[in-house]
Amino acid sequence: MPVAFDFDAALFEWSGNAAWHFVAVPEPISDEIAARMEGFTRGFGSVRVKVRIGGTEWATSVFPDSTTGCYLLPVKKAVRQAEGLAAGSTARVHLELADMRP
């Protein structure tokens, strides 16, 4: 059975040069993901996930943020446009772990 989480989070724009947008996975969910995936993460500690925001579904990875201890979920431009999201918007996120350890 897949491991999935539902949460609301505000979209924010990364403070670097690129126009990346993310939502922060809440700390309790980030902690559970880290515990479940310990030893099974990919490059940079990333975890492959399947995501749904509104009617848009896609596959991506979440990445640990060393500052907050939470995972960050990138939200690409096509998703933001399809769902009418901008920095500061709150999104309802359905996140499913794509690679479960045996």
N, C-alpha and C. Protein backbone atom coordinates (compact mmCIF):
# COMPACT_ATOMS: atom_id res chain seq x y z
N MET A 1 0.84 -1.18 0.00
CA MET A 1 0.00 0.00 0.00
C MET A 1 0.89 1.25 0.00
N PRO A 2 0.60 2.20 -0.87
CA PRO A 2 1.44 3.39 -0.94
C PRO A 2 1.34 4.24 0.33
N VAL A 3 2.42 4.92 0.64
CA VAL A 3 2.44 5.84 1.76
C VAL A 3 2.20 7.24 1.19
N ALA A 4 1.13 7.88 1.66
CA ALA A 4 0.75 9.18 1.11
C ALA A 4 0.42 10.15 2.24
N PHE A 5 0.54 11.43 1.92
CA PHE A 5 0.30 12.50 2.87
C PHE A 5 -0.49 13.61 2.18
N ASP A 6 -1.36 14.26 2.91
CA ASP A 6 -2.10 15.42 2.42
C ASP A 6 -1.84 16.59 3.37
N PHE A 7 -1.57 17.75 2.79
CA PHE A 7 -1.30 18.92 3.62
C PHE A 7 -1.52 20.19 2.80
N ASP A 8 -1.68 21.30 3.51
CA ASP A 8 -1.76 22.63 2.90
C ASP A 8 -0.45 23.34 3.17
N ALA A 9 0.06 24.04 2.15
CA ALA A 9 1.32 24.77 2.33
C ALA A 9 1.35 25.96 1.39
N ALA A 10 2.03 27.00 1.83
CA ALA A 10 2.18 28.22 1.02
C ALA A 10 3.32 28.04 0.03
N LEU A 11 3.08 28.47 -1.18
CA LEU A 11 4.09 28.45 -2.23
C LEU A 11 5.03 29.64 -2.02
N PHE A 12 6.33 29.40 -2.16
CA PHE A 12 7.28 30.51 -2.04
C PHE A 12 8.31 30.43 -3.15
N GLU A 13 8.86 31.60 -3.48
CA GLU A 13 9.89 31.68 -4.51
C GLU A 13 11.26 31.62 -3.85
N TRP A 14 12.13 30.79 -4.40
CA TRP A 14 13.49 30.66 -3.89
C TRP A 14 14.21 31.99 -4.00
N SER A 15 15.07 32.29 -3.06
CA SER A 15 15.71 33.61 -3.03
C SER A 15 16.95 33.71 -3.92
N GLY A 16 17.24 32.68 -4.70
CA GLY A 16 18.41 32.72 -5.58
C GLY A 16 18.12 33.40 -6.90
N ASN A 17 19.00 33.21 -7.86
CA ASN A 17 18.88 33.85 -9.17
C ASN A 17 17.75 33.26 -10.02
N ALA A 18 17.50 31.97 -9.89
CA ALA A 18 16.47 31.32 -10.70
C ALA A 18 15.09 31.54 -10.08
N ALA A 19 14.07 31.36 -10.89
CA ALA A 19 12.69 31.58 -10.43
C ALA A 19 12.06 30.27 -9.96
N TRP A 20 12.75 29.52 -9.12
CA TRP A 20 12.21 28.28 -8.58
C TRP A 20 11.14 28.58 -7.54
N HIS A 21 10.09 27.78 -7.54
CA HIS A 21 9.02 27.89 -6.54
C HIS A 21 8.89 26.56 -5.81
N PHE A 22 8.64 26.63 -4.52
CA PHE A 22 8.57 25.44 -3.68
C PHE A 22 7.42 25.56 -2.69
N VAL A 23 7.04 24.41 -2.13
CA VAL A 23 6.28 24.38 -0.89
C VAL A 23 7.12 23.56 0.08
N ALA A 24 7.07 23.94 1.34
CA ALA A 24 7.78 23.20 2.39
C ALA A 24 6.85 22.12 2.91
N VAL A 25 7.34 20.90 2.94
CA VAL A 25 6.58 19.79 3.52
C VAL A 25 6.61 20.00 5.03
N PRO A 26 5.45 19.98 5.70
CA PRO A 26 5.43 20.24 7.15
C PRO A 26 6.39 19.33 7.92
N GLU A 27 6.91 19.84 9.02
CA GLU A 27 7.93 19.13 9.79
C GLU A 27 7.53 17.71 10.20
N PRO A 28 6.32 17.48 10.73
CA PRO A 28 5.98 16.11 11.13
C PRO A 28 5.99 15.14 9.94
N ILE A 29 5.54 15.60 8.78
CA ILE A 29 5.54 14.76 7.58
C ILE A 29 6.98 14.57 7.09
N SER A 30 7.77 15.63 7.10
CA SER A 30 9.18 15.53 6.72
C SER A 30 9.91 14.53 7.61
N ASP A 31 9.63 14.57 8.90
CA ASP A 31 10.26 13.63 9.84
C ASP A 31 9.88 12.19 9.51
N GLU A 32 8.61 11.97 9.17
CA GLU A 32 8.17 10.61 8.83
C GLU A 32 8.81 10.13 7.53
N ILE A 33 8.88 11.01 6.54
CA ILE A 33 9.53 10.65 5.28
C ILE A 33 10.99 10.28 5.54
N ALA A 34 11.69 11.10 6.30
CA ALA A 34 13.11 10.83 6.60
C ALA A 34 13.28 9.49 7.30
N ALA A 35 12.40 9.19 8.26
CA ALA A 35 12.49 7.93 8.98
C ALA A 35 12.21 6.74 8.07
N ARG A 36 11.20 6.85 7.23
CA ARG A 36 10.84 5.75 6.32
C ARG A 36 11.90 5.52 5.24
N MET A 37 12.56 6.58 4.82
CA MET A 37 13.48 6.49 3.68
C MET A 37 14.95 6.48 4.10
N GLU A 38 15.23 6.39 5.40
CA GLU A 38 16.61 6.40 5.87
C GLU A 38 17.42 5.31 5.16
N GLY A 39 18.52 5.73 4.55
CA GLY A 39 19.38 4.79 3.83
C GLY A 39 18.94 4.51 2.41
N PHE A 40 17.81 5.07 1.99
CA PHE A 40 17.28 4.82 0.65
C PHE A 40 17.07 6.10 -0.15
N THR A 41 17.69 7.18 0.28
CA THR A 41 17.54 8.43 -0.46
C THR A 41 18.46 8.43 -1.67
N ARG A 42 18.21 9.37 -2.57
CA ARG A 42 19.00 9.51 -3.79
C ARG A 42 19.96 10.69 -3.62
N GLY A 43 20.49 11.20 -4.73
CA GLY A 43 21.44 12.31 -4.67
C GLY A 43 20.91 13.50 -3.88
N PHE A 44 21.78 14.10 -3.09
CA PHE A 44 21.44 15.27 -2.26
C PHE A 44 20.36 14.95 -1.22
N GLY A 45 20.16 13.67 -0.91
CA GLY A 45 19.15 13.27 0.06
C GLY A 45 17.73 13.31 -0.47
N SER A 46 17.60 13.38 -1.80
CA SER A 46 16.26 13.51 -2.40
C SER A 46 15.47 12.21 -2.29
N VAL A 47 14.16 12.36 -2.34
CA VAL A 47 13.22 11.24 -2.28
C VAL A 47 12.23 11.41 -3.43
N ARG A 48 12.09 10.36 -4.25
CA ARG A 48 11.15 10.43 -5.38
C ARG A 48 9.71 10.35 -4.86
N VAL A 49 8.86 11.21 -5.42
CA VAL A 49 7.46 11.28 -5.00
C VAL A 49 6.54 11.46 -6.21
N LYS A 50 5.28 11.13 -5.99
CA LYS A 50 4.21 11.46 -6.93
C LYS A 50 3.37 12.52 -6.23
N VAL A 51 2.99 13.55 -6.97
CA VAL A 51 2.32 14.70 -6.35
C VAL A 51 1.06 15.05 -7.11
N ARG A 52 0.06 15.53 -6.36
CA ARG A 52 -1.14 16.10 -6.99
C ARG A 52 -1.46 17.40 -6.27
N ILE A 53 -1.61 18.45 -7.05
CA ILE A 53 -2.13 19.73 -6.57
C ILE A 53 -3.30 20.05 -7.48
N GLY A 54 -4.48 20.19 -6.90
CA GLY A 54 -5.68 20.40 -7.71
C GLY A 54 -5.86 19.22 -8.64
N GLY A 55 -6.01 19.50 -9.93
CA GLY A 55 -6.18 18.44 -10.92
C GLY A 55 -4.90 18.05 -11.62
N THR A 56 -3.77 18.57 -11.18
CA THR A 56 -2.49 18.33 -11.84
C THR A 56 -1.66 17.32 -11.05
N GLU A 57 -1.22 16.26 -11.74
CA GLU A 57 -0.38 15.24 -11.12
C GLU A 57 0.95 15.18 -11.85
N TRP A 58 2.02 14.93 -11.11
CA TRP A 58 3.33 14.77 -11.73
C TRP A 58 4.26 14.04 -10.79
N ALA A 59 5.38 13.56 -11.35
CA ALA A 59 6.42 12.89 -10.57
C ALA A 59 7.60 13.84 -10.43
N THR A 60 8.17 13.88 -9.24
CA THR A 60 9.32 14.75 -8.97
C THR A 60 10.06 14.18 -7.77
N SER A 61 10.88 14.96 -7.15
CA SER A 61 11.57 14.58 -5.92
C SER A 61 11.44 15.72 -4.92
N VAL A 62 11.45 15.36 -3.64
CA VAL A 62 11.55 16.36 -2.58
C VAL A 62 13.00 16.34 -2.09
N PHE A 63 13.46 17.50 -1.63
CA PHE A 63 14.85 17.68 -1.23
C PHE A 63 14.91 18.22 0.19
N PRO A 64 15.81 17.68 1.03
CA PRO A 64 15.91 18.20 2.40
C PRO A 64 16.50 19.61 2.41
N ASP A 65 15.93 20.46 3.25
CA ASP A 65 16.42 21.82 3.45
C ASP A 65 17.17 21.84 4.78
N SER A 66 18.46 22.04 4.72
CA SER A 66 19.28 21.99 5.94
C SER A 66 18.94 23.12 6.92
N THR A 67 18.36 24.19 6.43
CA THR A 67 18.02 25.32 7.30
C THR A 67 16.81 25.00 8.18
N THR A 68 15.76 24.44 7.57
CA THR A 68 14.52 24.19 8.31
C THR A 68 14.36 22.75 8.78
N GLY A 69 15.09 21.83 8.16
CA GLY A 69 14.93 20.42 8.48
C GLY A 69 13.75 19.78 7.78
N CYS A 70 13.07 20.55 6.95
CA CYS A 70 11.91 20.04 6.20
C CYS A 70 12.32 19.72 4.77
N TYR A 71 11.52 18.89 4.13
CA TYR A 71 11.72 18.65 2.70
C TYR A 71 11.07 19.78 1.92
N LEU A 72 11.66 20.10 0.77
CA LEU A 72 11.10 21.10 -0.14
C LEU A 72 10.60 20.40 -1.39
N LEU A 73 9.40 20.78 -1.81
CA LEU A 73 8.77 20.24 -3.00
C LEU A 73 8.79 21.30 -4.09
N PRO A 74 9.54 21.08 -5.19
CA PRO A 74 9.52 22.05 -6.28
C PRO A 74 8.19 22.00 -7.03
N VAL A 75 7.65 23.16 -7.35
CA VAL A 75 6.39 23.25 -8.10
C VAL A 75 6.70 23.97 -9.41
N LYS A 76 6.70 23.20 -10.49
CA LYS A 76 7.12 23.77 -11.78
C LYS A 76 6.08 24.74 -12.33
N LYS A 77 6.55 25.55 -13.27
CA LYS A 77 5.74 26.63 -13.83
C LYS A 77 4.44 26.11 -14.44
N ALA A 78 4.49 24.98 -15.15
CA ALA A 78 3.29 24.44 -15.79
C ALA A 78 2.21 24.12 -14.75
N VAL A 79 2.61 23.62 -13.60
CA VAL A 79 1.66 23.31 -12.52
C VAL A 79 1.11 24.61 -11.94
N ARG A 80 1.98 25.58 -11.68
CA ARG A 80 1.53 26.86 -11.12
C ARG A 80 0.52 27.52 -12.05
N GLN A 81 0.80 27.49 -13.35
CA GLN A 81 -0.12 28.10 -14.31
C GLN A 81 -1.44 27.34 -14.38
N ALA A 82 -1.37 26.01 -14.44
CA ALA A 82 -2.59 25.20 -14.55
C ALA A 82 -3.49 25.36 -13.33
N GLU A 83 -2.89 25.56 -12.16
CA GLU A 83 -3.66 25.65 -10.91
C GLU A 83 -3.83 27.08 -10.41
N GLY A 84 -3.36 28.06 -11.17
CA GLY A 84 -3.52 29.46 -10.78
C GLY A 84 -2.78 29.82 -9.50
N LEU A 85 -1.58 29.28 -9.33
CA LEU A 85 -0.79 29.52 -8.12
C LEU A 85 0.32 30.53 -8.37
N ALA A 86 0.63 31.29 -7.35
CA ALA A 86 1.75 32.23 -7.37
C ALA A 86 2.37 32.23 -5.98
N ALA A 87 3.54 32.83 -5.85
CA ALA A 87 4.17 32.93 -4.54
C ALA A 87 3.17 33.53 -3.54
N GLY A 88 3.04 32.88 -2.39
CA GLY A 88 2.09 33.32 -1.38
C GLY A 88 0.78 32.56 -1.40
N SER A 89 0.47 31.89 -2.52
CA SER A 89 -0.76 31.09 -2.61
C SER A 89 -0.62 29.85 -1.73
N THR A 90 -1.74 29.41 -1.18
CA THR A 90 -1.74 28.16 -0.42
C THR A 90 -2.24 27.05 -1.33
N ALA A 91 -1.50 25.95 -1.34
CA ALA A 91 -1.85 24.80 -2.17
C ALA A 91 -2.21 23.62 -1.29
N ARG A 92 -3.20 22.86 -1.71
CA ARG A 92 -3.53 21.58 -1.08
C ARG A 92 -2.72 20.52 -1.81
N VAL A 93 -1.83 19.85 -1.11
CA VAL A 93 -0.87 18.92 -1.72
C VAL A 93 -1.18 17.49 -1.30
N HIS A 94 -1.20 16.60 -2.29
CA HIS A 94 -1.24 15.15 -2.04
C HIS A 94 0.12 14.63 -2.50
N LEU A 95 0.88 14.05 -1.58
CA LEU A 95 2.24 13.59 -1.86
C LEU A 95 2.34 12.11 -1.51
N GLU A 96 2.82 11.32 -2.46
CA GLU A 96 2.95 9.88 -2.28
C GLU A 96 4.40 9.48 -2.50
N LEU A 97 4.95 8.68 -1.60
CA LEU A 97 6.31 8.20 -1.77
C LEU A 97 6.35 7.23 -2.93
N ALA A 98 7.27 7.46 -3.88
CA ALA A 98 7.34 6.63 -5.08
C ALA A 98 8.19 5.38 -4.87
N ASP A 99 9.20 5.45 -4.05
CA ASP A 99 10.11 4.33 -3.82
C ASP A 99 10.06 3.93 -2.36
N MET A 100 9.34 2.89 -2.07
CA MET A 100 9.31 2.41 -0.69
C MET A 100 10.38 1.34 -0.51
N ARG A 101 11.06 1.40 0.61
CA ARG A 101 12.06 0.38 0.88
C ARG A 101 11.36 -0.95 1.15
N PRO A 102 12.05 -2.05 0.87
CA PRO A 102 11.43 -3.37 1.06
C PRO A 102 11.11 -3.66 2.51
